[in-house]
Amino acid sequence: MAKAILQLGDLTCPSCMTKIQKAVANQKGVSDVKVMFNAGKVRADFDQEQTSGEDLSNVITELGYEVKKLKVKETA
């Protein structure tokens, strides 16, 4: 398992937050997603054998949002 933390550049409204959360949660291997609206961050726990931090970043970018920074940490 791993955790991705994505810093977003243009999260402007609560409906954006919901849209991103649903899209990331629907990715294969994602077990938990939290969008922190005020911080402009997305945190997602995922199985590295099924997806990657880059894949999650691409999903958000395809929705029209900017991902400024991606950090992936392996978890136990």
C-alpha atoms as a PDB file:
ATOM      1  CA  MET A   1       0.000   0.000   0.000  1.00  0.00           C
ATOM      2  CA  ALA A   2       1.000   3.590  -0.552  1.00  0.00           C
ATOM      3  CA  LYS A   3      -0.271   7.079   0.148  1.00  0.00           C
ATOM      4  CA  ALA A   4      -0.305   9.867  -2.417  1.00  0.00           C
ATOM      5  CA  ILE A   5      -0.517  13.502  -1.399  1.00  0.00           C
ATOM      6  CA  LEU A   6      -1.325  15.815  -4.278  1.00  0.00           C
ATOM      7  CA  GLN A   7      -1.125  19.605  -3.987  1.00  0.00           C
ATOM      8  CA  LEU A   8      -3.665  21.227  -6.279  1.00  0.00           C
ATOM      9  CA  GLY A   9      -3.410  24.623  -7.861  1.00  0.00           C
ATOM     10  CA  ASP A  10      -6.977  25.622  -8.574  1.00  0.00           C
ATOM     11  CA  LEU A  11      -9.446  24.055  -6.163  1.00  0.00           C
ATOM     12  CA  THR A  12     -12.074  26.793  -5.990  1.00  0.00           C
ATOM     13  CA  CYS A  13     -15.370  25.341  -4.791  1.00  0.00           C
ATOM     14  CA  PRO A  14     -16.897  22.489  -2.785  1.00  0.00           C
ATOM     15  CA  SER A  15     -18.394  20.926  -5.917  1.00  0.00           C
ATOM     16  CA  CYS A  16     -14.857  20.686  -7.342  1.00  0.00           C
ATOM     17  CA  MET A  17     -13.857  18.812  -4.206  1.00  0.00           C
ATOM     18  CA  THR A  18     -16.697  16.319  -4.645  1.00  0.00           C
ATOM     19  CA  LYS A  19     -15.909  15.797  -8.325  1.00  0.00           C
ATOM     20  CA  ILE A  20     -12.237  15.054  -7.581  1.00  0.00           C
ATOM     21  CA  GLN A  21     -13.034  12.788  -4.643  1.00  0.00           C
ATOM     22  CA  LYS A  22     -15.428  10.654  -6.709  1.00  0.00           C
ATOM     23  CA  ALA A  23     -13.050  10.376  -9.671  1.00  0.00           C
ATOM     24  CA  VAL A  24     -10.065   9.333  -7.544  1.00  0.00           C
ATOM     25  CA  ALA A  25     -12.153   6.944  -5.413  1.00  0.00           C
ATOM     26  CA  ASN A  26     -13.334   5.174  -8.580  1.00  0.00           C
ATOM     27  CA  GLN A  27      -9.782   4.292  -9.624  1.00  0.00           C
ATOM     28  CA  LYS A  28      -8.862   0.641  -9.281  1.00  0.00           C
ATOM     29  CA  GLY A  29      -6.833  -0.026  -6.142  1.00  0.00           C
ATOM     30  CA  VAL A  30      -7.803   3.169  -4.284  1.00  0.00           C
ATOM     31  CA  SER A  31      -9.007   2.358  -0.764  1.00  0.00           C
ATOM     32  CA  ASP A  32      -9.445   5.826   0.761  1.00  0.00           C
ATOM     33  CA  VAL A  33      -9.578   9.406  -0.529  1.00  0.00           C
ATOM     34  CA  LYS A  34      -9.752  12.670   1.365  1.00  0.00           C
ATOM     35  CA  VAL A  35      -9.907  16.054  -0.317  1.00  0.00           C
ATOM     36  CA  MET A  36      -8.831  18.885   1.953  1.00  0.00           C
ATOM     37  CA  PHE A  37     -10.528  21.869   0.339  1.00  0.00           C
ATOM     38  CA  ASN A  38      -8.966  24.631   2.449  1.00  0.00           C
ATOM     39  CA  ALA A  39      -5.464  23.186   2.058  1.00  0.00           C
ATOM     40  CA  GLY A  40      -5.935  22.436  -1.644  1.00  0.00           C
ATOM     41  CA  LYS A  41      -4.732  18.861  -1.176  1.00  0.00           C
ATOM     42  CA  VAL A  42      -5.870  15.364  -1.977  1.00  0.00           C
ATOM     43  CA  ARG A  43      -4.723  12.374   0.037  1.00  0.00           C
ATOM     44  CA  ALA A  44      -5.324   8.890  -1.370  1.00  0.00           C
ATOM     45  CA  ASP A  45      -4.394   5.441  -0.089  1.00  0.00           C
ATOM     46  CA  PHE A  46      -3.866   2.968  -2.900  1.00  0.00           C
ATOM     47  CA  ASP A  47      -2.436  -0.399  -3.929  1.00  0.00           C
ATOM     48  CA  GLN A  48       0.698   0.186  -6.014  1.00  0.00           C
ATOM     49  CA  GLU A  49       0.102  -3.022  -7.940  1.00  0.00           C
ATOM     50  CA  GLN A  50      -3.143  -1.608  -9.330  1.00  0.00           C
ATOM     51  CA  THR A  51      -2.432   2.092  -9.833  1.00  0.00           C
ATOM     52  CA  SER A  52       0.203   4.750  -9.195  1.00  0.00           C
ATOM     53  CA  GLY A  53       0.479   8.275  -7.884  1.00  0.00           C
ATOM     54  CA  GLU A  54       1.024   9.437 -11.443  1.00  0.00           C
ATOM     55  CA  ASP A  55      -2.210   7.731 -12.532  1.00  0.00           C
ATOM     56  CA  LEU A  56      -4.114   9.526  -9.780  1.00  0.00           C
ATOM     57  CA  SER A  57      -2.500  12.813 -10.784  1.00  0.00           C
ATOM     58  CA  ASN A  58      -3.540  12.212 -14.397  1.00  0.00           C
ATOM     59  CA  VAL A  59      -7.161  11.584 -13.354  1.00  0.00           C
ATOM     60  CA  ILE A  60      -7.256  14.951 -11.591  1.00  0.00           C
ATOM     61  CA  THR A  61      -5.557  16.706 -14.503  1.00  0.00           C
ATOM     62  CA  GLU A  62      -8.059  15.188 -16.948  1.00  0.00           C
ATOM     63  CA  LEU A  63     -10.846  16.760 -14.882  1.00  0.00           C
ATOM     64  CA  GLY A  64      -9.264  20.147 -15.597  1.00  0.00           C
ATOM     65  CA  TYR A  65      -7.426  20.778 -12.330  1.00  0.00           C
ATOM     66  CA  GLU A  66      -3.747  21.550 -11.895  1.00  0.00           C
ATOM     67  CA  VAL A  67      -1.607  19.199  -9.800  1.00  0.00           C
ATOM     68  CA  LYS A  68       1.318  21.288  -8.571  1.00  0.00           C
ATOM     69  CA  LYS A  69       3.070  18.606  -6.533  1.00  0.00           C
ATOM     70  CA  LEU A  70       2.814  14.848  -6.035  1.00  0.00           C
ATOM     71  CA  LYS A  71       4.340  12.990  -3.114  1.00  0.00           C
ATOM     72  CA  VAL A  72       4.044   9.217  -2.702  1.00  0.00           C
ATOM     73  CA  LYS A  73       4.961   7.362   0.473  1.00  0.00           C
ATOM     74  CA  GLU A  74       4.909   3.603   0.976  1.00  0.00           C
ATOM     75  CA  THR A  75       2.861   2.489   3.971  1.00  0.00           C
ATOM     76  CA  ALA A  76       2.762  -0.739   5.899  1.00  0.00           C
END
